[in-house]
Amino acid sequence: MSDPFTKKLTLASMFEAAGNNTNIYLPIYYLRKYPEYRNTYAAVNGLLIIFCGLMSNAISGTIGDKFEKNYPKIKATICMISTFLVVPIMILELADHGNYWVS
């Protein structure tokens, strides 16, 4: 893993896996766990992806553009930090507490 390309490829794969988890596996999990909330999940998930995704991209892009001159790797750093910040949310989301609205 001393090759820089291998490190970057590994990190990129991890980021892609996080996106796949949200887009592919979570809907299946929620459908099995809370089948009575199928339509609610579709609506809430769609709104969250639209609004939170828009805000996240706008804020990350603004920060990246502002600091790119002084920190050339800031955009990759923003991606890494945002991926690690999702971990506590995913733990709460997948915890078996039995309450749809908490998860």
Protein backbone atom coordinates (compact mmCIF):
# COMPACT_ATOMS: atom_id res chain seq x y z
CA MET A 1 0.00 0.00 0.00
CA SER A 2 2.98 2.29 -0.36
CA ASP A 3 1.98 3.25 -3.89
CA PRO A 4 0.09 6.61 -3.86
CA PHE A 5 -2.26 5.45 -6.62
CA THR A 6 -3.30 2.40 -4.57
CA LYS A 7 -4.03 4.59 -1.55
CA LYS A 8 -6.17 6.96 -3.61
CA LEU A 9 -8.00 4.10 -5.28
CA THR A 10 -8.72 2.51 -1.90
CA LEU A 11 -10.08 5.78 -0.48
CA ALA A 12 -12.20 6.37 -3.58
CA SER A 13 -13.63 2.86 -3.26
CA MET A 14 -14.50 3.49 0.38
CA PHE A 15 -16.31 6.72 -0.51
CA GLU A 16 -18.23 4.97 -3.27
CA ALA A 17 -19.18 2.17 -0.86
CA ALA A 18 -20.64 4.74 1.55
CA GLY A 19 -22.79 6.16 -1.24
CA ASN A 20 -23.92 2.70 -2.30
CA ASN A 21 -24.89 1.90 1.27
CA THR A 22 -27.23 4.87 1.37
CA ASN A 23 -28.69 4.41 -2.10
CA ILE A 24 -28.94 0.63 -2.36
CA TYR A 25 -28.87 -1.13 1.00
CA LEU A 26 -30.75 1.26 3.30
CA PRO A 27 -34.02 1.14 1.30
CA ILE A 28 -33.94 -2.66 1.47
CA TYR A 29 -33.19 -2.55 5.19
CA TYR A 30 -36.06 -0.15 5.89
CA LEU A 31 -38.48 -2.10 3.72
CA ARG A 32 -37.75 -5.27 5.68
CA LYS A 33 -37.61 -3.58 9.09
CA TYR A 34 -40.59 -1.22 8.72
CA PRO A 35 -42.82 -2.48 5.86
CA GLU A 36 -45.75 -0.31 7.02
CA TYR A 37 -43.68 2.86 6.40
CA ARG A 38 -42.88 2.09 2.76
CA ASN A 39 -44.46 5.22 1.26
CA THR A 40 -43.32 7.41 4.13
CA TYR A 41 -39.73 6.24 3.72
CA ALA A 42 -39.82 6.94 -0.01
CA ALA A 43 -41.05 10.50 0.53
CA VAL A 44 -38.79 11.32 3.48
CA ASN A 45 -35.72 9.75 1.85
CA GLY A 46 -36.35 11.65 -1.38
CA LEU A 47 -36.67 14.96 0.45
CA LEU A 48 -33.57 14.27 2.54
CA ILE A 49 -31.52 13.42 -0.54
CA ILE A 50 -32.70 16.55 -2.35
CA PHE A 51 -32.29 19.09 0.44
CA CYS A 52 -29.42 17.64 2.47
CA GLY A 53 -27.53 16.65 -0.67
CA LEU A 54 -27.94 20.14 -2.10
CA MET A 55 -26.79 21.81 1.12
CA SER A 56 -23.89 19.40 1.55
CA ASN A 57 -22.63 19.93 -1.98
CA ALA A 58 -23.04 23.69 -1.81
CA ILE A 59 -21.24 24.03 1.52
CA SER A 60 -18.49 21.56 0.62
CA GLY A 61 -17.97 23.19 -2.76
CA THR A 62 -17.78 26.66 -1.26
CA ILE A 63 -15.27 25.57 1.38
CA GLY A 64 -13.23 23.65 -1.20
CA ASP A 65 -13.12 26.54 -3.64
CA LYS A 66 -12.25 29.05 -0.92
CA PHE A 67 -9.29 27.11 0.49
CA GLU A 68 -8.05 25.27 -2.61
CA LYS A 69 -5.30 27.79 -3.31
CA ASN A 70 -3.68 27.34 0.14
CA TYR A 71 -4.55 23.65 0.58
CA PRO A 72 -4.43 21.76 -2.74
CA LYS A 73 -5.89 18.57 -1.23
CA ILE A 74 -8.79 20.28 0.56
CA LYS A 75 -11.51 18.72 -1.62
CA ALA A 76 -10.32 15.20 -0.88
CA THR A 77 -10.03 16.10 2.80
CA ILE A 78 -13.62 17.40 2.82
CA CYS A 79 -14.81 14.12 1.31
CA MET A 80 -12.94 12.09 3.91
CA ILE A 81 -14.18 14.17 6.83
CA SER A 82 -17.80 14.08 5.65
CA THR A 83 -17.60 10.30 5.20
CA PHE A 84 -16.32 9.84 8.75
CA LEU A 85 -18.99 12.21 10.14
CA VAL A 86 -21.69 9.92 8.75
CA VAL A 87 -20.56 6.95 10.87
CA PRO A 88 -22.41 7.98 14.09
CA ILE A 89 -25.55 8.70 12.07
CA MET A 90 -25.35 5.28 10.41
CA ILE A 91 -24.93 3.60 13.80
CA LEU A 92 -28.03 5.36 15.12
CA GLU A 93 -29.90 4.61 11.91
CA LEU A 94 -29.15 0.88 11.98
CA ALA A 95 -29.51 0.39 15.74
CA ASP A 96 -32.32 -1.97 16.63
CA HIS A 97 -34.44 0.39 18.72
CA GLY A 98 -37.77 -0.35 17.01
CA ASN A 99 -38.75 3.28 16.39
CA TYR A 100 -38.98 4.30 12.73
CA TRP A 101 -38.85 8.03 13.39
CA VAL A 102 -35.71 7.83 15.52
CA SER A 103 -33.92 5.83 12.84
